[in-house]
Amino acid sequence: MTQRVINLVEDGHRKAEVPFFEVGDTVDVHTRILEGEKERIQVFSGTVIGRSGGGTREMFTVRRIVAGEGVERKFPLHSPRIENVVVKRSSVVRRAKLYFLRDRVGKAVRLKERRRV
């Protein structure tokens, strides 16, 4: 009973079209940023290292290297602040979470590219 009520409430907040991407993909996440009264779109690009949750609570983590320092950011998939997720490159991975990339530096961070037919 309670699960049905939760699903009814969540259905109103889900996005109609959710972009398809997997763990290991290199993505550009277009996020709406409010600065005062102005609104702009900021792009965060990096590798998806994990997905978690389900329904409207689904989150994904994107990691990139900035000035030699690793930066990770978690995004809610169904957030109205997420404008778009563009897949730039797909990689072959054998894990659901790529946390081992946190310990790697330089060329060791590279993942083997998946060829799409």
C-alpha atoms as a PDB file:
ATOM      1  CA  MET A   1       0.000   0.000   0.000  1.00  0.00           C
ATOM      2  CA  THR A   2       2.622   2.554   1.010  1.00  0.00           C
ATOM      3  CA  GLN A   3       4.796   1.680  -1.991  1.00  0.00           C
ATOM      4  CA  ARG A   4       1.901   2.486  -4.331  1.00  0.00           C
ATOM      5  CA  VAL A   5       1.429   5.875  -2.657  1.00  0.00           C
ATOM      6  CA  ILE A   6       5.152   6.637  -2.961  1.00  0.00           C
ATOM      7  CA  ASN A   7       5.101   5.676  -6.650  1.00  0.00           C
ATOM      8  CA  LEU A   8       2.080   7.929  -7.300  1.00  0.00           C
ATOM      9  CA  VAL A   9       3.833  10.907  -5.709  1.00  0.00           C
ATOM     10  CA  GLU A  10       7.134  10.231  -7.495  1.00  0.00           C
ATOM     11  CA  ASP A  11       5.536   9.858 -10.953  1.00  0.00           C
ATOM     12  CA  GLY A  12       4.728  13.567 -11.022  1.00  0.00           C
ATOM     13  CA  HIS A  13       8.369  14.512 -10.483  1.00  0.00           C
ATOM     14  CA  ARG A  14      10.046  12.173 -12.967  1.00  0.00           C
ATOM     15  CA  LYS A  15      11.475  13.536 -16.208  1.00  0.00           C
ATOM     16  CA  ALA A  16       9.671  12.438 -19.344  1.00  0.00           C
ATOM     17  CA  GLU A  17      12.866  11.634 -21.224  1.00  0.00           C
ATOM     18  CA  VAL A  18      15.876  10.459 -19.255  1.00  0.00           C
ATOM     19  CA  PRO A  19      19.127  10.413 -21.243  1.00  0.00           C
ATOM     20  CA  PHE A  20      20.743   6.987 -21.604  1.00  0.00           C
ATOM     21  CA  PHE A  21      24.283   6.685 -20.271  1.00  0.00           C
ATOM     22  CA  GLU A  22      26.216   4.053 -18.361  1.00  0.00           C
ATOM     23  CA  VAL A  23      29.001   3.880 -15.830  1.00  0.00           C
ATOM     24  CA  GLY A  24      32.295   4.540 -17.623  1.00  0.00           C
ATOM     25  CA  ASP A  25      30.851   7.012 -20.130  1.00  0.00           C
ATOM     26  CA  THR A  26      32.413  10.446 -20.516  1.00  0.00           C
ATOM     27  CA  VAL A  27      29.565  12.945 -20.289  1.00  0.00           C
ATOM     28  CA  ASP A  28      28.822  16.677 -20.335  1.00  0.00           C
ATOM     29  CA  VAL A  29      26.262  17.572 -17.658  1.00  0.00           C
ATOM     30  CA  HIS A  30      24.512  20.864 -18.431  1.00  0.00           C
ATOM     31  CA  THR A  31      23.355  22.396 -15.138  1.00  0.00           C
ATOM     32  CA  ARG A  32      21.239  25.499 -14.582  1.00  0.00           C
ATOM     33  CA  ILE A  33      22.957  27.941 -12.231  1.00  0.00           C
ATOM     34  CA  LEU A  34      21.182  30.909 -10.615  1.00  0.00           C
ATOM     35  CA  GLU A  35      23.350  33.976 -10.018  1.00  0.00           C
ATOM     36  CA  GLY A  36      21.212  36.701  -8.516  1.00  0.00           C
ATOM     37  CA  GLU A  37      18.306  37.035 -10.924  1.00  0.00           C
ATOM     38  CA  LYS A  38      20.229  35.719 -13.926  1.00  0.00           C
ATOM     39  CA  GLU A  39      20.208  32.090 -14.941  1.00  0.00           C
ATOM     40  CA  ARG A  40      22.952  30.448 -16.956  1.00  0.00           C
ATOM     41  CA  ILE A  41      23.991  26.948 -17.949  1.00  0.00           C
ATOM     42  CA  GLN A  42      27.262  25.523 -16.644  1.00  0.00           C
ATOM     43  CA  VAL A  43      28.818  22.404 -18.155  1.00  0.00           C
ATOM     44  CA  PHE A  44      30.535  19.823 -15.942  1.00  0.00           C
ATOM     45  CA  SER A  45      32.331  17.196 -18.019  1.00  0.00           C
ATOM     46  CA  GLY A  46      33.896  14.012 -16.725  1.00  0.00           C
ATOM     47  CA  THR A  47      33.579  10.258 -16.350  1.00  0.00           C
ATOM     48  CA  VAL A  48      30.548   8.644 -14.719  1.00  0.00           C
ATOM     49  CA  ILE A  49      31.978   6.548 -11.878  1.00  0.00           C
ATOM     50  CA  GLY A  50      28.736   5.384 -10.291  1.00  0.00           C
ATOM     51  CA  ARG A  51      24.955   5.375 -10.228  1.00  0.00           C
ATOM     52  CA  SER A  52      22.816   4.828  -7.162  1.00  0.00           C
ATOM     53  CA  GLY A  53      19.218   4.875  -6.026  1.00  0.00           C
ATOM     54  CA  GLY A  54      16.057   4.324  -7.991  1.00  0.00           C
ATOM     55  CA  GLY A  55      13.001   6.186  -9.138  1.00  0.00           C
ATOM     56  CA  THR A  56      13.176   9.920  -8.546  1.00  0.00           C
ATOM     57  CA  ARG A  57      15.985   9.410  -6.028  1.00  0.00           C
ATOM     58  CA  GLU A  58      18.442   8.124  -8.631  1.00  0.00           C
ATOM     59  CA  MET A  59      21.841   9.841  -8.528  1.00  0.00           C
ATOM     60  CA  PHE A  60      24.994   9.636 -10.622  1.00  0.00           C
ATOM     61  CA  THR A  61      28.554  10.661  -9.797  1.00  0.00           C
ATOM     62  CA  VAL A  62      30.841  12.364 -12.311  1.00  0.00           C
ATOM     63  CA  ARG A  63      34.592  12.682 -11.778  1.00  0.00           C
ATOM     64  CA  ARG A  64      37.124  14.855 -13.566  1.00  0.00           C
ATOM     65  CA  ILE A  65      40.637  16.162 -12.993  1.00  0.00           C
ATOM     66  CA  VAL A  66      41.047  19.939 -12.600  1.00  0.00           C
ATOM     67  CA  ALA A  67      44.542  21.403 -12.181  1.00  0.00           C
ATOM     68  CA  GLY A  68      45.895  18.032 -11.052  1.00  0.00           C
ATOM     69  CA  GLU A  69      43.184  17.628  -8.408  1.00  0.00           C
ATOM     70  CA  GLY A  70      40.298  15.156  -8.657  1.00  0.00           C
ATOM     71  CA  VAL A  71      36.822  16.696  -8.467  1.00  0.00           C
ATOM     72  CA  GLU A  72      33.670  14.616  -8.033  1.00  0.00           C
ATOM     73  CA  ARG A  73      30.117  15.830  -8.182  1.00  0.00           C
ATOM     74  CA  LYS A  74      26.850  13.975  -7.570  1.00  0.00           C
ATOM     75  CA  PHE A  75      23.806  14.879  -9.624  1.00  0.00           C
ATOM     76  CA  PRO A  76      20.160  13.843  -9.138  1.00  0.00           C
ATOM     77  CA  LEU A  77      19.040  12.339 -12.447  1.00  0.00           C
ATOM     78  CA  HIS A  78      15.477  13.716 -12.355  1.00  0.00           C
ATOM     79  CA  SER A  79      16.370  17.187 -11.062  1.00  0.00           C
ATOM     80  CA  PRO A  80      14.855  20.162 -12.906  1.00  0.00           C
ATOM     81  CA  ARG A  81      18.282  21.843 -12.559  1.00  0.00           C
ATOM     82  CA  ILE A  82      19.818  19.257 -14.918  1.00  0.00           C
ATOM     83  CA  GLU A  83      19.207  20.613 -18.408  1.00  0.00           C
ATOM     84  CA  ASN A  84      20.890  17.895 -20.445  1.00  0.00           C
ATOM     85  CA  VAL A  85      23.371  15.017 -20.261  1.00  0.00           C
ATOM     86  CA  VAL A  86      25.424  14.550 -23.437  1.00  0.00           C
ATOM     87  CA  VAL A  87      27.445  11.349 -23.886  1.00  0.00           C
ATOM     88  CA  LYS A  88      30.762  12.192 -25.529  1.00  0.00           C
ATOM     89  CA  ARG A  89      32.464   8.797 -25.273  1.00  0.00           C
ATOM     90  CA  SER A  90      31.602   5.302 -24.045  1.00  0.00           C
ATOM     91  CA  SER A  91      34.072   3.005 -22.347  1.00  0.00           C
ATOM     92  CA  VAL A  92      34.304  -0.703 -21.668  1.00  0.00           C
ATOM     93  CA  VAL A  93      34.030  -1.329 -17.921  1.00  0.00           C
ATOM     94  CA  ARG A  94      33.507  -4.472 -15.861  1.00  0.00           C
ATOM     95  CA  ARG A  95      32.402  -2.847 -12.610  1.00  0.00           C
ATOM     96  CA  ALA A  96      29.295  -1.053 -11.411  1.00  0.00           C
ATOM     97  CA  LYS A  97      31.348   1.506  -9.453  1.00  0.00           C
ATOM     98  CA  LEU A  98      34.664   2.868 -10.729  1.00  0.00           C
ATOM     99  CA  TYR A  99      36.011   4.049  -7.376  1.00  0.00           C
ATOM    100  CA  PHE A 100      39.429   2.599  -8.225  1.00  0.00           C
ATOM    101  CA  LEU A 101      39.946   5.594 -10.546  1.00  0.00           C
ATOM    102  CA  ARG A 102      40.357   7.777  -7.449  1.00  0.00           C
ATOM    103  CA  ASP A 103      43.759   6.211  -6.774  1.00  0.00           C
ATOM    104  CA  ARG A 104      45.021   6.608 -10.345  1.00  0.00           C
ATOM    105  CA  VAL A 105      46.871   9.526 -11.904  1.00  0.00           C
ATOM    106  CA  GLY A 106      47.674  10.545 -15.480  1.00  0.00           C
ATOM    107  CA  LYS A 107      47.416   7.984 -18.249  1.00  0.00           C
ATOM    108  CA  ALA A 108      46.318   5.274 -15.789  1.00  0.00           C
ATOM    109  CA  VAL A 109      42.916   6.987 -15.567  1.00  0.00           C
ATOM    110  CA  ARG A 110      42.144   6.259 -19.220  1.00  0.00           C
ATOM    111  CA  LEU A 111      39.500   3.651 -20.019  1.00  0.00           C
ATOM    112  CA  LYS A 112      39.270   1.525 -23.153  1.00  0.00           C
ATOM    113  CA  GLU A 113      36.771   2.988 -25.620  1.00  0.00           C
ATOM    114  CA  ARG A 114      33.655   1.014 -26.529  1.00  0.00           C
ATOM    115  CA  ARG A 115      32.950   0.893 -30.240  1.00  0.00           C
ATOM    116  CA  ARG A 116      29.338   1.444 -31.185  1.00  0.00           C
ATOM    117  CA  VAL A 117      28.036  -0.098 -34.388  1.00  0.00           C
END
